[in-house]
Amino acid sequence: MAAQWGVAAAGGVSYQNVEAQHRGGTLRLLVVGAQIARPGEATVVEGRPILRSRYEAVADRATGLALGEQIKLGRDTFTVVGLTRNLVASGGDPVIFITLRDAQKLQFDLTPAAARREAARAPGSTGTINT
């Protein structure tokens, strides 16, 4: 992408659909991890963009999250430092931005459904995976 005419900068990006337990319910999110600049910077309508390299998030207002609120994604807790508006996945799930480094860690923290199914099929299995 960086070699294309008119592209000023390019970097890695990841997309993950995640379910997080929050306020006693399940919150479905599209987690976007971005390497270039500051994730969510161009779309922040309240608060600020991500400035630290770890554990900060910019969330769409549709998540119901507030500035300063914390949410656990995988094994880590993120603080919402900025809010966007009208950023949802094609399925309607609200978007939350984190750094690419955090998103890559999250990807490996979450146990894929296929791994859970295979563990449940194993002889003598209790059907659970320790994560």
N, C-alpha and C. Protein backbone atom coordinates (compact mmCIF):
# COMPACT_ATOMS: atom_id res chain seq x y z
N MET A 1 0.82 -1.20 0.00
CA MET A 1 0.00 0.00 0.00
C MET A 1 0.86 1.26 0.00
N ALA A 2 1.95 1.25 0.76
CA ALA A 2 2.78 2.44 0.86
C ALA A 2 3.38 2.83 -0.48
N ALA A 3 3.51 1.88 -1.40
CA ALA A 3 4.09 2.17 -2.71
C ALA A 3 3.09 2.81 -3.68
N GLN A 4 1.82 2.83 -3.33
CA GLN A 4 0.79 3.40 -4.21
C GLN A 4 0.86 4.92 -4.20
N TRP A 5 0.64 5.52 -5.36
CA TRP A 5 0.65 6.97 -5.47
C TRP A 5 -0.39 7.58 -4.55
N GLY A 6 -0.02 8.61 -3.83
CA GLY A 6 -0.95 9.33 -2.97
C GLY A 6 -1.06 8.78 -1.56
N VAL A 7 -0.46 7.64 -1.28
CA VAL A 7 -0.52 7.07 0.07
C VAL A 7 0.63 7.67 0.88
N ALA A 8 0.28 8.41 1.92
CA ALA A 8 1.29 9.09 2.74
C ALA A 8 1.93 8.14 3.75
N ALA A 9 1.17 7.19 4.24
CA ALA A 9 1.69 6.25 5.23
C ALA A 9 0.83 5.01 5.23
N ALA A 10 1.42 3.90 5.67
CA ALA A 10 0.68 2.64 5.76
C ALA A 10 1.20 1.86 6.95
N GLY A 11 0.38 0.97 7.45
CA GLY A 11 0.80 0.14 8.58
C GLY A 11 -0.15 -1.02 8.76
N GLY A 12 0.19 -1.89 9.70
CA GLY A 12 -0.61 -3.07 9.95
C GLY A 12 -1.92 -2.74 10.64
N VAL A 13 -2.90 -3.60 10.38
CA VAL A 13 -4.21 -3.44 11.02
C VAL A 13 -4.79 -4.84 11.23
N SER A 14 -5.55 -5.00 12.29
CA SER A 14 -6.21 -6.28 12.52
C SER A 14 -7.66 -6.02 12.92
N TYR A 15 -8.51 -6.99 12.62
CA TYR A 15 -9.93 -6.91 12.96
C TYR A 15 -10.33 -8.20 13.66
N GLN A 16 -11.02 -8.08 14.79
CA GLN A 16 -11.48 -9.26 15.53
C GLN A 16 -12.86 -9.01 16.08
N ASN A 17 -13.73 -9.97 15.92
CA ASN A 17 -15.02 -9.92 16.60
C ASN A 17 -14.83 -10.53 17.97
N VAL A 18 -15.23 -9.80 19.01
CA VAL A 18 -14.99 -10.22 20.38
C VAL A 18 -16.27 -10.05 21.19
N GLU A 19 -16.50 -10.95 22.11
CA GLU A 19 -17.55 -10.79 23.10
C GLU A 19 -16.89 -10.54 24.44
N ALA A 20 -17.27 -9.46 25.11
CA ALA A 20 -16.70 -9.11 26.41
C ALA A 20 -17.82 -9.07 27.45
N GLN A 21 -17.54 -9.59 28.62
CA GLN A 21 -18.48 -9.49 29.72
C GLN A 21 -18.32 -8.11 30.34
N HIS A 22 -19.43 -7.38 30.41
CA HIS A 22 -19.36 -6.01 30.91
C HIS A 22 -20.70 -5.62 31.54
N ARG A 23 -20.64 -5.08 32.73
CA ARG A 23 -21.84 -4.66 33.47
C ARG A 23 -22.88 -5.77 33.55
N GLY A 24 -22.43 -6.98 33.74
CA GLY A 24 -23.34 -8.10 33.91
C GLY A 24 -23.94 -8.64 32.63
N GLY A 25 -23.49 -8.15 31.50
CA GLY A 25 -24.01 -8.63 30.23
C GLY A 25 -22.88 -8.91 29.26
N THR A 26 -23.25 -9.32 28.06
CA THR A 26 -22.27 -9.59 27.02
C THR A 26 -22.30 -8.47 26.00
N LEU A 27 -21.14 -7.91 25.73
CA LEU A 27 -21.00 -6.83 24.77
C LEU A 27 -20.24 -7.36 23.56
N ARG A 28 -20.90 -7.36 22.40
CA ARG A 28 -20.26 -7.79 21.15
C ARG A 28 -19.58 -6.59 20.52
N LEU A 29 -18.31 -6.77 20.14
CA LEU A 29 -17.51 -5.67 19.62
C LEU A 29 -16.70 -6.10 18.40
N LEU A 30 -16.41 -5.15 17.52
CA LEU A 30 -15.39 -5.34 16.50
C LEU A 30 -14.16 -4.60 17.02
N VAL A 31 -13.13 -5.35 17.36
CA VAL A 31 -11.89 -4.76 17.87
C VAL A 31 -10.97 -4.50 16.68
N VAL A 32 -10.55 -3.24 16.53
CA VAL A 32 -9.64 -2.85 15.47
C VAL A 32 -8.31 -2.50 16.11
N GLY A 33 -7.26 -3.21 15.71
CA GLY A 33 -5.91 -2.89 16.16
C GLY A 33 -5.18 -2.21 15.02
N ALA A 34 -4.59 -1.06 15.29
CA ALA A 34 -3.92 -0.31 14.23
C ALA A 34 -2.51 0.07 14.64
N GLN A 35 -1.59 -0.07 13.70
CA GLN A 35 -0.18 0.22 13.95
C GLN A 35 0.16 1.67 13.64
N ILE A 36 -0.45 2.21 12.63
CA ILE A 36 -0.07 3.53 12.15
C ILE A 36 -0.68 4.65 12.99
N ALA A 37 0.11 5.67 13.23
CA ALA A 37 -0.33 6.86 13.96
C ALA A 37 -0.99 6.47 15.28
N ARG A 38 -2.16 7.04 15.53
CA ARG A 38 -2.89 6.76 16.76
C ARG A 38 -4.26 6.21 16.39
N PRO A 39 -4.56 4.98 16.77
CA PRO A 39 -5.84 4.39 16.38
C PRO A 39 -7.03 5.25 16.78
N GLY A 40 -7.92 5.47 15.86
CA GLY A 40 -9.12 6.23 16.14
C GLY A 40 -8.93 7.74 16.15
N GLU A 41 -7.72 8.21 15.89
CA GLU A 41 -7.42 9.64 16.02
C GLU A 41 -8.34 10.52 15.17
N ALA A 42 -8.56 10.13 13.94
CA ALA A 42 -9.32 10.98 13.03
C ALA A 42 -10.81 11.03 13.37
N THR A 43 -11.28 10.11 14.19
CA THR A 43 -12.71 10.02 14.43
C THR A 43 -13.12 10.32 15.86
N VAL A 44 -12.18 10.71 16.71
CA VAL A 44 -12.52 10.97 18.11
C VAL A 44 -13.40 12.22 18.20
N VAL A 45 -14.60 12.04 18.78
CA VAL A 45 -15.52 13.16 18.94
C VAL A 45 -15.60 13.63 20.40
N GLU A 46 -15.05 12.82 21.30
CA GLU A 46 -15.01 13.18 22.71
C GLU A 46 -13.81 12.49 23.33
N GLY A 47 -13.11 13.19 24.22
CA GLY A 47 -11.92 12.60 24.82
C GLY A 47 -10.71 12.84 23.94
N ARG A 48 -9.84 11.84 23.87
CA ARG A 48 -8.60 11.97 23.11
C ARG A 48 -8.27 10.66 22.39
N PRO A 49 -7.33 10.72 21.45
CA PRO A 49 -6.88 9.49 20.79
C PRO A 49 -6.00 8.68 21.74
N ILE A 50 -5.66 7.48 21.33
CA ILE A 50 -4.74 6.65 22.10
C ILE A 50 -3.35 7.27 22.04
N LEU A 51 -2.76 7.49 23.21
CA LEU A 51 -1.43 8.08 23.28
C LEU A 51 -0.40 7.13 23.87
N ARG A 52 -0.84 6.19 24.67
CA ARG A 52 0.07 5.22 25.28
C ARG A 52 0.14 3.97 24.43
N SER A 53 1.25 3.25 24.56
CA SER A 53 1.45 2.06 23.72
C SER A 53 0.64 0.86 24.16
N ARG A 54 0.07 0.88 25.36
CA ARG A 54 -0.66 -0.29 25.86
C ARG A 54 -1.90 0.13 26.64
N TYR A 55 -2.92 -0.69 26.55
CA TYR A 55 -4.10 -0.70 27.41
C TYR A 55 -4.98 0.55 27.38
N GLU A 56 -5.00 1.24 26.27
CA GLU A 56 -5.95 2.34 26.07
C GLU A 56 -6.84 1.98 24.89
N ALA A 57 -8.07 2.52 24.90
CA ALA A 57 -9.02 2.23 23.83
C ALA A 57 -9.81 3.47 23.47
N VAL A 58 -10.21 3.51 22.20
CA VAL A 58 -11.16 4.50 21.71
C VAL A 58 -12.38 3.69 21.26
N ALA A 59 -13.53 3.96 21.86
CA ALA A 59 -14.72 3.15 21.61
C ALA A 59 -15.82 3.99 20.95
N ASP A 60 -16.62 3.34 20.14
CA ASP A 60 -17.78 4.02 19.57
C ASP A 60 -18.83 4.20 20.66
N ARG A 61 -19.56 5.28 20.58
CA ARG A 61 -20.62 5.54 21.57
C ARG A 61 -21.64 4.40 21.66
N ALA A 62 -21.83 3.68 20.57
CA ALA A 62 -22.80 2.59 20.55
C ALA A 62 -22.42 1.45 21.49
N THR A 63 -21.16 1.42 21.96
CA THR A 63 -20.76 0.39 22.92
C THR A 63 -21.42 0.63 24.27
N GLY A 64 -21.80 1.89 24.53
CA GLY A 64 -22.33 2.24 25.84
C GLY A 64 -21.24 2.55 26.85
N LEU A 65 -19.97 2.47 26.42
CA LEU A 65 -18.86 2.76 27.30
C LEU A 65 -18.68 4.26 27.45
N ALA A 66 -18.20 4.68 28.61
CA ALA A 66 -17.99 6.10 28.89
C ALA A 66 -16.50 6.39 29.01
N LEU A 67 -16.13 7.64 28.84
CA LEU A 67 -14.74 8.04 29.03
C LEU A 67 -14.29 7.65 30.44
N GLY A 68 -13.10 7.09 30.52
CA GLY A 68 -12.55 6.69 31.81
C GLY A 68 -12.99 5.31 32.27
N GLU A 69 -14.00 4.75 31.62
CA GLU A 69 -14.48 3.42 32.00
C GLU A 69 -13.48 2.36 31.55
N GLN A 70 -13.47 1.26 32.28
CA GLN A 70 -12.57 0.17 31.94
C GLN A 70 -13.36 -1.03 31.44
N ILE A 71 -12.75 -1.76 30.49
CA ILE A 71 -13.35 -2.97 29.96
C ILE A 71 -12.26 -4.01 29.80
N LYS A 72 -12.59 -5.25 30.15
CA LYS A 72 -11.65 -6.35 30.03
C LYS A 72 -11.84 -7.02 28.67
N LEU A 73 -10.75 -7.07 27.92
CA LEU A 73 -10.73 -7.76 26.63
C LEU A 73 -9.64 -8.82 26.74
N GLY A 74 -10.04 -10.07 26.62
CA GLY A 74 -9.08 -11.14 26.84
C GLY A 74 -8.63 -11.13 28.28
N ARG A 75 -7.34 -11.08 28.48
CA ARG A 75 -6.78 -11.08 29.85
C ARG A 75 -6.39 -9.69 30.34
N ASP A 76 -6.57 -8.69 29.50
CA ASP A 76 -6.14 -7.33 29.85
C ASP A 76 -7.31 -6.38 30.01
N THR A 77 -7.08 -5.35 30.81
CA THR A 77 -8.09 -4.34 31.05
C THR A 77 -7.68 -3.05 30.34
N PHE A 78 -8.63 -2.49 29.59
CA PHE A 78 -8.39 -1.28 28.80
C PHE A 78 -9.20 -0.12 29.35
N THR A 79 -8.62 1.07 29.32
CA THR A 79 -9.31 2.28 29.74
C THR A 79 -9.76 3.04 28.50
N VAL A 80 -11.03 3.42 28.47
CA VAL A 80 -11.58 4.19 27.34
C VAL A 80 -11.13 5.64 27.48
N VAL A 81 -10.33 6.10 26.51
CA VAL A 81 -9.80 7.47 26.56
C VAL A 81 -10.47 8.38 25.53
N GLY A 82 -11.19 7.78 24.57
CA GLY A 82 -11.86 8.57 23.54
C GLY A 82 -13.09 7.85 23.03
N LEU A 83 -13.97 8.63 22.44
CA LEU A 83 -15.21 8.08 21.88
C LEU A 83 -15.36 8.51 20.42
N THR A 84 -15.92 7.62 19.62
CA THR A 84 -16.24 7.92 18.23
C THR A 84 -17.76 7.85 18.07
N ARG A 85 -18.22 8.16 16.87
CA ARG A 85 -19.65 8.12 16.61
C ARG A 85 -19.90 7.43 15.27
N ASN A 86 -20.90 6.54 15.25
CA ASN A 86 -21.36 5.88 14.03
C ASN A 86 -20.32 4.98 13.36
N LEU A 87 -19.50 4.32 14.15
CA LEU A 87 -18.55 3.35 13.60
C LEU A 87 -18.96 1.96 14.06
N VAL A 88 -19.59 1.23 13.15
CA VAL A 88 -20.04 -0.12 13.46
C VAL A 88 -19.59 -1.06 12.35
N ALA A 89 -19.48 -2.34 12.70
CA ALA A 89 -19.14 -3.38 11.73
C ALA A 89 -20.32 -3.61 10.80
N SER A 90 -20.11 -4.36 9.75
CA SER A 90 -21.19 -4.63 8.80
C SER A 90 -22.36 -5.35 9.46
N GLY A 91 -22.09 -6.10 10.53
CA GLY A 91 -23.15 -6.80 11.27
C GLY A 91 -23.79 -5.94 12.34
N GLY A 92 -23.31 -4.71 12.49
CA GLY A 92 -23.90 -3.79 13.45
C GLY A 92 -23.18 -3.71 14.79
N ASP A 93 -22.14 -4.54 14.99
CA ASP A 93 -21.40 -4.47 16.25
C ASP A 93 -20.60 -3.18 16.32
N PRO A 94 -20.61 -2.49 17.46
CA PRO A 94 -19.83 -1.26 17.58
C PRO A 94 -18.33 -1.55 17.58
N VAL A 95 -17.57 -0.55 17.14
CA VAL A 95 -16.12 -0.68 16.99
C VAL A 95 -15.41 -0.12 18.22
N ILE A 96 -14.32 -0.80 18.60
CA ILE A 96 -13.42 -0.30 19.63
C ILE A 96 -12.01 -0.41 19.08
N PHE A 97 -11.22 0.65 19.18
CA PHE A 97 -9.85 0.69 18.67
C PHE A 97 -8.87 0.47 19.81
N ILE A 98 -7.85 -0.35 19.56
CA ILE A 98 -6.73 -0.51 20.48
C ILE A 98 -5.46 -0.53 19.63
N THR A 99 -4.29 -0.55 20.24
CA THR A 99 -3.07 -0.60 19.45
C THR A 99 -2.93 -1.97 18.80
N LEU A 100 -2.16 -2.04 17.73
CA LEU A 100 -1.95 -3.30 17.05
C LEU A 100 -1.28 -4.31 17.99
N ARG A 101 -0.35 -3.85 18.78
CA ARG A 101 0.33 -4.74 19.74
C ARG A 101 -0.67 -5.38 20.69
N ASP A 102 -1.58 -4.57 21.25
CA ASP A 102 -2.60 -5.11 22.15
C ASP A 102 -3.54 -6.05 21.40
N ALA A 103 -3.88 -5.71 20.16
CA ALA A 103 -4.80 -6.54 19.37
C ALA A 103 -4.18 -7.90 19.06
N GLN A 104 -2.90 -7.91 18.76
CA GLN A 104 -2.23 -9.18 18.47
C GLN A 104 -2.17 -10.05 19.72
N LYS A 105 -1.92 -9.46 20.87
CA LYS A 105 -1.93 -10.21 22.12
C LYS A 105 -3.34 -10.75 22.39
N LEU A 106 -4.34 -9.92 22.18
CA LEU A 106 -5.73 -10.34 22.39
C LEU A 106 -6.07 -11.53 21.51
N GLN A 107 -5.61 -11.50 20.28
CA GLN A 107 -5.90 -12.59 19.35
C GLN A 107 -5.43 -13.93 19.90
N PHE A 108 -4.30 -13.95 20.56
CA PHE A 108 -3.77 -15.20 21.07
C PHE A 108 -4.25 -15.51 22.48
N ASP A 109 -4.80 -14.52 23.18
CA ASP A 109 -5.38 -14.75 24.50
C ASP A 109 -6.73 -15.45 24.40
N LEU A 110 -7.48 -15.15 23.35
CA LEU A 110 -8.81 -15.73 23.20
C LEU A 110 -8.70 -17.14 22.64
N THR A 111 -9.42 -18.05 23.23
CA THR A 111 -9.42 -19.43 22.77
C THR A 111 -10.41 -19.56 21.62
N PRO A 112 -9.96 -19.96 20.44
CA PRO A 112 -10.87 -20.10 19.31
C PRO A 112 -11.91 -21.19 19.56
N ALA A 113 -13.08 -21.01 19.00
CA ALA A 113 -14.16 -21.99 19.16
C ALA A 113 -13.73 -23.37 18.68
N ALA A 114 -12.96 -23.43 17.60
CA ALA A 114 -12.52 -24.72 17.08
C ALA A 114 -11.64 -25.44 18.09
N ALA A 115 -10.79 -24.73 18.79
CA ALA A 115 -9.93 -25.36 19.80
C ALA A 115 -10.77 -25.89 20.95
N ARG A 116 -11.82 -25.15 21.33
CA ARG A 116 -12.70 -25.61 22.41
C ARG A 116 -13.43 -26.89 21.99
N ARG A 117 -13.90 -26.94 20.74
CA ARG A 117 -14.60 -28.14 20.26
C ARG A 117 -13.68 -29.35 20.24
N GLU A 118 -12.45 -29.17 19.77
CA GLU A 118 -11.50 -30.28 19.71
C GLU A 118 -11.16 -30.77 21.11
N ALA A 119 -11.00 -29.86 22.06
CA ALA A 119 -10.69 -30.27 23.43
C ALA A 119 -11.84 -31.06 24.02
N ALA A 120 -13.06 -30.68 23.68
CA ALA A 120 -14.23 -31.38 24.21
C ALA A 120 -14.34 -32.79 23.64
N ARG A 121 -13.83 -33.01 22.43
CA ARG A 121 -13.89 -34.33 21.79
C ARG A 121 -12.80 -35.28 22.28
N ALA A 122 -11.76 -34.74 22.89
CA ALA A 122 -10.63 -35.58 23.30
C ALA A 122 -11.07 -36.60 24.34
N PRO A 123 -10.58 -37.84 24.22
CA PRO A 123 -10.94 -38.87 25.20
C PRO A 123 -10.58 -38.45 26.62
N GLY A 124 -11.51 -38.63 27.55
CA GLY A 124 -11.29 -38.28 28.94
C GLY A 124 -11.34 -36.80 29.23
N SER A 125 -11.77 -36.02 28.23
CA SER A 125 -11.81 -34.57 28.39
C SER A 125 -13.00 -34.14 29.24
N THR A 126 -12.81 -33.05 29.98
CA THR A 126 -13.92 -32.46 30.72
C THR A 126 -14.67 -31.46 29.87
N GLY A 127 -14.13 -31.21 28.67
CA GLY A 127 -14.79 -30.27 27.76
C GLY A 127 -14.38 -28.83 27.97
N THR A 128 -13.36 -28.61 28.82
CA THR A 128 -12.92 -27.25 29.06
C THR A 128 -11.45 -27.10 28.72
N ILE A 129 -11.05 -25.88 28.44
CA ILE A 129 -9.66 -25.56 28.16
C ILE A 129 -9.21 -24.55 29.19
N ASN A 130 -8.05 -24.74 29.75
CA ASN A 130 -7.48 -23.74 30.65
C ASN A 130 -6.79 -22.69 29.82
N THR A 131 -7.21 -21.41 29.98
CA THR A 131 -6.59 -20.33 29.22
C THR A 131 -5.91 -19.37 30.13
